[in-house]
Amino acid sequence: MIRSFGPVVLAAVVAAASPAPAQTPEPSPSDVVATIGGEPFTTRQLEDAAGARLFQLRTQQYQAQRQILDDEIARRLLEREAAARKVTVPELLKLEVESKVAPVTEAEQKAFYAQNKARMGEMTEADALKRIETGLRQQRMGERQAEFLSGLRAKADVRILMEPPRLRLAVGDDPTRGPADAPVTIVEFSDFQCPYCSRATATLKKLETAYPGKIRLVYRDFPLVQIHPNAARAAEAAACANEQGKFWPMHDVMFEHQDKLGEADLKQSAASLGLDAAKFDQCLESGRYTGQWKKDTAEGEQYGVSSTPAFFINGRLVVGAQPFESFARIVDEELARAGRAASAPAP
């Protein structure tokens, strides 16, 4: 199967909002899914009752449909390009992908082996190096294929008309970074003791660097207290640091040193960041922010969050520490969508 990669230009139709009618019309027969004692129960009422449950299913369906669509687009673009060059698709891929991928050197293999030796189990070094060479080459092949297909998509002016499912999320006074009017808002539900959340912080920073002024990041707590005993206290420590304008520095320190989330460690980290130690210690010991992370967690559950990290990019759900390219693709689509909305004529 041919995999598709790279950003896609999204061309959704933005419908203008029409003024509300003076009276609520009677639901049409197609809107009624049941009657209860003669009283209609409508599709809208069903949607409201379902909440995030249907949203999750629709997100899964959309992701499956997009993968199929992207695969089909990639196949057709490769066939068109191969026909234009009068070669076969395998010949085209060999020319544009395989021949342009640098070989994996012995030094690169050994460096990777040294960093991941504990994960190799009982495998001999020779076998491990061979597997590493194959894996790194496949990774480079995928990256080069993504680059090539991205160019073909841009040249062919591919437009995706499928509109993804979205949720409207409350932001409130949660810690934020980036312009308030940024066209893309990423709401993150995270856990300071979660290793996957720590991994995602680097991806988010890379996004902010790649799209300066275009992204607003909102942090919300979702400590998995059943498996991460220090996560809730860490969330409270971040809130206490926020009182002194140091949420993000504390956020970064805790994710960087997830083995130092005990109460004494948290106090030491706060002091190292220049916070007023007495105020921070009193805040942390008071437990006054316990209700805050519980509120975030409860709202996250209402949105369908069950694991961390979970992200809503302009209301679109992304679960897990996905690679940069997965986030960038959605950000590109949302920026294109915002651009079309800004250029659309007023109703």
Protein backbone atom coordinates (compact mmCIF):
# COMPACT_ATOMS: atom_id res chain seq x y z
CA MET A 1 0.00 0.00 0.00
CA ILE A 2 1.28 3.49 -0.82
CA ARG A 3 1.37 5.73 2.22
CA SER A 4 0.57 9.42 1.96
CA PHE A 5 2.40 12.08 3.89
CA GLY A 6 2.79 15.81 4.21
CA PRO A 7 0.45 18.76 4.66
CA VAL A 8 -2.80 18.93 2.78
CA VAL A 9 -4.65 22.04 1.63
CA LEU A 10 -8.10 21.83 3.17
CA ALA A 11 -10.93 23.33 1.14
CA ALA A 12 -14.04 23.08 3.26
CA VAL A 13 -17.12 25.12 2.53
CA VAL A 14 -17.67 27.71 5.27
CA ALA A 15 -21.39 28.26 5.64
CA ALA A 16 -22.57 31.69 6.69
CA ALA A 17 -24.65 31.81 9.84
CA SER A 18 -28.24 32.68 9.12
CA PRO A 19 -30.38 34.73 11.51
CA ALA A 20 -32.50 32.76 13.97
CA PRO A 21 -36.17 32.47 13.06
CA ALA A 22 -38.72 34.24 15.20
CA GLN A 23 -40.26 30.96 16.27
CA THR A 24 -38.78 27.50 16.63
CA PRO A 25 -40.22 25.44 13.78
CA GLU A 26 -41.75 22.06 14.32
CA PRO A 27 -39.22 19.28 13.75
CA SER A 28 -39.54 17.67 10.37
CA PRO A 29 -40.29 13.94 10.28
CA SER A 30 -36.68 13.26 9.25
CA ASP A 31 -35.42 15.00 12.44
CA VAL A 32 -37.53 12.84 14.76
CA VAL A 33 -35.84 9.61 15.86
CA ALA A 34 -38.48 8.55 18.39
CA THR A 35 -41.72 9.61 20.02
CA ILE A 36 -42.41 9.35 23.74
CA GLY A 37 -46.10 9.53 24.53
CA GLY A 38 -46.60 11.38 21.29
CA GLU A 39 -43.79 13.85 22.06
CA PRO A 40 -41.00 13.86 19.45
CA PHE A 41 -37.41 13.10 20.37
CA THR A 42 -35.18 14.73 17.76
CA THR A 43 -31.76 14.13 16.28
CA ARG A 44 -30.54 17.30 18.05
CA GLN A 45 -31.69 15.96 21.41
CA LEU A 46 -29.95 12.68 20.66
CA GLU A 47 -26.73 14.55 19.85
CA ASP A 48 -26.95 16.51 23.11
CA ALA A 49 -27.55 13.34 25.12
CA ALA A 50 -24.70 11.48 23.44
CA GLY A 51 -22.16 14.19 24.20
CA ALA A 52 -18.60 13.09 23.45
CA ARG A 53 -19.48 9.46 22.77
CA LEU A 54 -20.62 10.05 19.20
CA PHE A 55 -17.82 12.58 18.71
CA GLN A 56 -15.20 9.91 19.42
CA LEU A 57 -16.82 7.49 16.98
CA ARG A 58 -17.06 10.14 14.29
CA THR A 59 -13.44 11.09 14.85
CA GLN A 60 -12.39 7.47 14.38
CA GLN A 61 -14.52 7.21 11.25
CA TYR A 62 -13.08 10.46 9.87
CA GLN A 63 -9.51 9.33 10.53
CA ALA A 64 -10.12 6.02 8.77
CA GLN A 65 -11.74 7.76 5.80
CA ARG A 66 -8.91 10.30 5.58
CA GLN A 67 -6.29 7.56 5.56
CA ILE A 68 -8.09 5.78 2.74
CA LEU A 69 -8.55 9.05 0.87
CA ASP A 70 -4.90 10.06 1.31
CA ASP A 71 -3.73 6.64 0.13
CA GLU A 72 -5.91 6.94 -2.95
CA ILE A 73 -4.69 10.48 -3.65
CA ALA A 74 -1.08 9.32 -3.33
CA ARG A 75 -1.70 6.40 -5.69
CA ARG A 76 -3.27 8.59 -8.35
CA LEU A 77 -0.61 11.30 -8.09
CA LEU A 78 2.17 8.75 -8.44
CA GLU A 79 0.46 7.18 -11.43
CA ARG A 80 0.03 10.58 -13.09
CA GLU A 81 3.63 11.58 -12.47
CA ALA A 82 4.93 8.22 -13.68
CA ALA A 83 2.84 8.46 -16.86
CA ALA A 84 4.11 11.99 -17.49
CA ARG A 85 7.70 10.75 -17.24
CA LYS A 86 6.91 7.57 -19.18
CA VAL A 87 8.11 5.27 -16.39
CA THR A 88 6.39 2.83 -14.04
CA VAL A 89 5.46 3.77 -10.47
CA PRO A 90 8.16 1.48 -8.99
CA GLU A 91 10.71 3.10 -11.31
CA LEU A 92 9.52 6.54 -10.23
CA LEU A 93 9.84 5.66 -6.54
CA LYS A 94 13.28 4.22 -7.10
CA LEU A 95 14.35 7.40 -8.86
CA GLU A 96 12.79 9.93 -6.49
CA VAL A 97 12.89 8.08 -3.17
CA GLU A 98 15.33 5.18 -2.97
CA SER A 99 18.17 6.82 -4.88
CA LYS A 100 17.91 10.01 -2.81
CA VAL A 101 18.08 8.40 0.63
CA ALA A 102 21.51 8.57 2.22
CA PRO A 103 22.88 5.23 3.50
CA VAL A 104 22.92 4.59 7.24
CA THR A 105 26.54 4.71 8.34
CA GLU A 106 28.13 2.30 10.78
CA ALA A 107 28.71 5.21 13.17
CA GLU A 108 24.99 6.05 13.12
CA GLN A 109 24.08 2.44 13.80
CA LYS A 110 26.45 2.20 16.75
CA ALA A 111 25.30 5.54 18.18
CA PHE A 112 21.68 4.38 18.06
CA TYR A 113 22.67 1.07 19.61
CA ALA A 114 24.47 2.78 22.48
CA GLN A 115 21.42 4.94 23.25
CA ASN A 116 18.95 2.03 23.09
CA LYS A 117 21.01 -0.95 24.24
CA ALA A 118 18.67 -1.68 27.15
CA ARG A 119 15.77 -2.18 24.72
CA MET A 120 17.60 -4.77 22.66
CA GLY A 121 17.07 -7.61 25.13
CA GLU A 122 19.10 -10.74 24.42
CA MET A 123 19.87 -9.73 20.83
CA THR A 124 23.53 -9.82 19.86
CA GLU A 125 25.17 -6.55 18.90
CA ALA A 126 25.61 -7.70 15.30
CA ASP A 127 21.92 -8.60 14.96
CA ALA A 128 20.92 -5.36 16.66
CA LEU A 129 23.05 -3.26 14.31
CA LYS A 130 21.53 -4.99 11.30
CA ARG A 131 18.00 -4.32 12.55
CA ILE A 132 18.91 -0.71 13.37
CA GLU A 133 20.28 -0.19 9.86
CA THR A 134 17.05 -1.52 8.33
CA GLY A 135 14.86 0.55 10.64
CA LEU A 136 16.71 3.82 10.11
CA ARG A 137 16.73 3.33 6.35
CA GLN A 138 12.99 2.67 6.31
CA GLN A 139 12.48 5.82 8.36
CA ARG A 140 14.50 7.86 5.89
CA MET A 141 12.64 6.30 2.99
CA GLY A 142 9.33 7.30 4.56
CA GLU A 143 10.52 10.85 5.13
CA ARG A 144 11.74 11.19 1.56
CA GLN A 145 8.51 9.71 0.18
CA ALA A 146 6.54 12.17 2.30
CA GLU A 147 8.58 15.04 0.88
CA PHE A 148 8.09 13.85 -2.69
CA LEU A 149 4.35 13.32 -2.30
CA SER A 150 3.98 16.70 -0.63
CA GLY A 151 5.45 18.31 -3.72
CA LEU A 152 3.13 16.34 -6.00
CA ARG A 153 0.11 17.37 -3.92
CA ALA A 154 1.06 21.02 -4.07
CA LYS A 155 1.61 20.88 -7.82
CA ALA A 156 -1.75 19.15 -8.37
CA ASP A 157 -3.61 21.59 -6.09
CA VAL A 158 -5.21 18.81 -4.04
CA ARG A 159 -8.23 20.03 -2.07
CA ILE A 160 -9.85 17.98 0.69
CA LEU A 161 -13.55 18.72 1.14
CA MET A 162 -14.20 16.45 4.13
CA GLU A 163 -14.95 18.46 7.29
CA PRO A 164 -13.61 16.83 10.48
CA PRO A 165 -15.66 16.45 13.66
CA ARG A 166 -15.09 19.19 16.24
CA LEU A 167 -15.93 19.92 19.86
CA ARG A 168 -16.31 23.32 21.44
CA LEU A 169 -14.11 23.45 24.53
CA ALA A 170 -14.15 25.97 27.35
CA VAL A 171 -10.76 27.58 27.99
CA GLY A 172 -11.50 29.79 30.98
CA ASP A 173 -8.48 30.91 33.00
CA ASP A 174 -6.27 27.92 32.22
CA PRO A 175 -2.59 28.68 31.54
CA THR A 176 -2.01 29.72 27.95
CA ARG A 177 0.93 30.53 25.71
CA GLY A 178 0.70 32.36 22.40
CA PRO A 179 -1.55 35.12 21.03
CA ALA A 180 -5.14 35.13 22.26
CA ASP A 181 -6.31 35.71 18.68
CA ALA A 182 -4.15 32.98 17.12
CA PRO A 183 -5.97 31.14 14.32
CA VAL A 184 -5.11 27.77 15.87
CA THR A 185 -5.83 26.89 19.48
CA ILE A 186 -4.44 23.65 20.90
CA VAL A 187 -6.03 22.55 24.17
CA GLU A 188 -3.89 19.91 25.84
CA PHE A 189 -5.04 17.57 28.60
CA SER A 190 -1.89 16.32 30.26
CA ASP A 191 -0.27 14.61 33.26
CA PHE A 192 3.11 15.74 34.63
CA GLN A 193 4.10 12.17 35.46
CA CYS A 194 3.11 10.71 32.08
CA PRO A 195 6.18 9.87 29.94
CA TYR A 196 4.23 10.28 26.70
CA CYS A 197 3.16 13.77 27.81
CA SER A 198 6.80 14.64 28.41
CA ARG A 199 7.65 13.46 24.91
CA ALA A 200 4.88 15.62 23.46
CA THR A 201 6.27 18.84 24.97
CA ALA A 202 9.14 18.86 22.48
CA THR A 203 6.68 18.43 19.60
CA LEU A 204 4.55 21.34 20.81
CA LYS A 205 7.57 23.62 21.12
CA LYS A 206 8.64 22.66 17.61
CA LEU A 207 5.14 23.56 16.37
CA GLU A 208 5.28 26.97 18.06
CA THR A 209 8.66 27.60 16.42
CA ALA A 210 7.46 26.44 13.01
CA TYR A 211 4.27 28.56 13.17
CA PRO A 212 5.25 31.76 15.04
CA GLY A 213 2.25 33.76 16.20
CA LYS A 214 -0.18 31.24 14.74
CA ILE A 215 -0.72 28.92 17.73
CA ARG A 216 -2.20 29.41 21.18
CA LEU A 217 -1.48 26.55 23.55
CA VAL A 218 -3.83 25.92 26.47
CA TYR A 219 -2.77 23.56 29.25
CA ARG A 220 -5.37 21.62 31.24
CA ASP A 221 -4.72 19.05 33.96
CA PHE A 222 -5.67 15.40 33.63
CA PRO A 223 -3.58 13.55 36.24
CA LEU A 224 -3.99 9.78 36.03
CA VAL A 225 -3.93 9.37 39.80
CA GLN A 226 -4.52 5.61 39.69
CA ILE A 227 -1.12 4.98 38.08
CA HIS A 228 0.78 8.24 38.67
CA PRO A 229 0.78 8.99 42.42
CA ASN A 230 2.71 12.27 42.08
CA ALA A 231 0.77 13.70 39.15
CA ALA A 232 -1.95 15.47 41.15
CA ARG A 233 0.54 17.15 43.49
CA ALA A 234 2.58 18.21 40.48
CA ALA A 235 -0.52 19.78 38.95
CA GLU A 236 -1.04 21.75 42.18
CA ALA A 237 2.61 22.81 42.15
CA ALA A 238 2.19 24.15 38.62
CA ALA A 239 -0.85 26.14 39.74
CA CYS A 240 1.11 27.55 42.68
CA ALA A 241 3.92 28.55 40.32
CA ASN A 242 1.29 30.18 38.11
CA GLU A 243 0.42 32.50 41.01
CA GLN A 244 3.91 33.95 40.64
CA GLY A 245 3.89 34.04 36.86
CA LYS A 246 6.09 30.96 36.48
CA PHE A 247 3.71 28.28 35.24
CA TRP A 248 5.56 27.49 32.02
CA PRO A 249 9.06 27.35 33.56
CA MET A 250 7.69 25.02 36.26
CA HIS A 251 5.87 23.04 33.59
CA ASP A 252 9.12 22.53 31.68
CA VAL A 253 11.17 21.58 34.75
CA MET A 254 8.67 18.96 35.90
CA PHE A 255 8.41 17.34 32.49
CA GLU A 256 12.18 17.35 32.14
CA HIS A 257 12.68 15.75 35.58
CA GLN A 258 9.74 13.41 36.03
CA ASP A 259 11.74 11.45 38.60
CA LYS A 260 11.65 14.50 40.89
CA LEU A 261 7.96 15.08 41.55
CA GLY A 262 7.87 14.41 45.29
CA GLU A 263 6.80 17.34 47.45
CA ALA A 264 10.36 18.18 48.55
CA ASP A 265 11.50 18.00 44.92
CA LEU A 266 8.70 20.31 43.82
CA LYS A 267 9.68 22.89 46.44
CA GLN A 268 13.31 22.67 45.39
CA SER A 269 12.38 23.12 41.74
CA ALA A 270 10.31 26.19 42.58
CA ALA A 271 13.20 27.71 44.51
CA SER A 272 15.61 27.03 41.64
CA LEU A 273 13.30 29.00 39.34
CA GLY A 274 13.43 32.02 41.63
CA LEU A 275 9.93 31.74 43.07
CA ASP A 276 9.20 33.13 46.53
CA ALA A 277 9.81 29.89 48.43
CA ALA A 278 7.65 30.76 51.43
CA LYS A 279 4.64 31.67 49.31
CA PHE A 280 5.07 28.62 47.09
CA ASP A 281 5.46 26.21 50.01
CA GLN A 282 2.39 27.64 51.76
CA CYS A 283 0.38 27.37 48.56
CA LEU A 284 1.40 23.79 47.92
CA GLU A 285 0.79 22.68 51.51
CA SER A 286 -2.63 24.34 51.58
CA GLY A 287 -3.98 22.15 48.79
CA ARG A 288 -6.08 25.04 47.51
CA TYR A 289 -5.71 23.98 43.89
CA THR A 290 -6.96 20.44 44.37
CA GLY A 291 -10.34 21.47 43.05
CA GLN A 292 -8.77 22.93 39.91
CA TRP A 293 -7.26 19.73 38.57
CA LYS A 294 -10.37 17.81 39.56
CA LYS A 295 -12.48 20.27 37.57
CA ASP A 296 -10.19 19.94 34.54
CA THR A 297 -10.31 16.16 34.80
CA ALA A 298 -14.10 16.09 35.05
CA GLU A 299 -14.49 18.34 32.01
CA GLY A 300 -11.93 16.31 30.11
CA GLU A 301 -13.94 13.17 30.77
CA GLN A 302 -17.03 14.94 29.44
CA TYR A 303 -15.09 15.64 26.25
CA GLY A 304 -14.18 11.97 25.98
CA VAL A 305 -10.61 12.15 27.31
CA SER A 306 -9.53 8.89 28.95
CA SER A 307 -5.75 8.90 28.49
CA THR A 308 -2.92 11.38 28.18
CA PRO A 309 -1.81 13.33 26.36
CA ALA A 310 -4.97 14.32 24.53
CA PHE A 311 -5.19 17.39 22.30
CA PHE A 312 -7.99 19.35 20.70
CA ILE A 313 -6.69 21.37 17.75
CA ASN A 314 -9.47 23.86 17.04
CA GLY A 315 -11.74 21.22 18.52
CA ARG A 316 -10.27 18.30 16.53
CA LEU A 317 -9.19 15.39 18.70
CA VAL A 318 -5.63 14.05 18.55
CA VAL A 319 -4.73 11.33 21.06
CA GLY A 320 -1.22 10.43 22.16
CA ALA A 321 2.31 11.71 21.53
CA GLN A 322 1.91 11.84 17.76
CA PRO A 323 4.86 12.86 15.57
CA PHE A 324 5.37 16.48 14.57
CA GLU A 325 4.15 15.79 11.03
CA SER A 326 0.73 14.64 12.30
CA PHE A 327 0.23 17.90 14.23
CA ALA A 328 1.64 20.05 11.42
CA ARG A 329 -0.75 18.55 8.91
CA ILE A 330 -3.76 19.52 11.02
CA VAL A 331 -2.34 22.97 11.77
CA ASP A 332 -1.85 23.55 8.03
CA GLU A 333 -5.44 22.55 7.37
CA GLU A 334 -6.73 24.85 10.11
CA LEU A 335 -4.66 27.80 8.89
CA ALA A 336 -6.03 27.27 5.38
CA ARG A 337 -9.53 27.12 6.82
CA ALA A 338 -8.98 30.35 8.76
CA GLY A 339 -7.64 32.03 5.64
CA ARG A 340 -10.72 31.12 3.64
CA ALA A 341 -13.00 32.35 6.40
CA ALA A 342 -11.16 35.68 6.54
CA SER A 343 -11.38 36.18 2.78
CA ALA A 344 -15.02 35.11 2.47
CA PRO A 345 -17.43 37.97 1.62
CA ALA A 346 -19.60 39.23 4.46
CA PRO A 347 -23.15 37.78 4.46
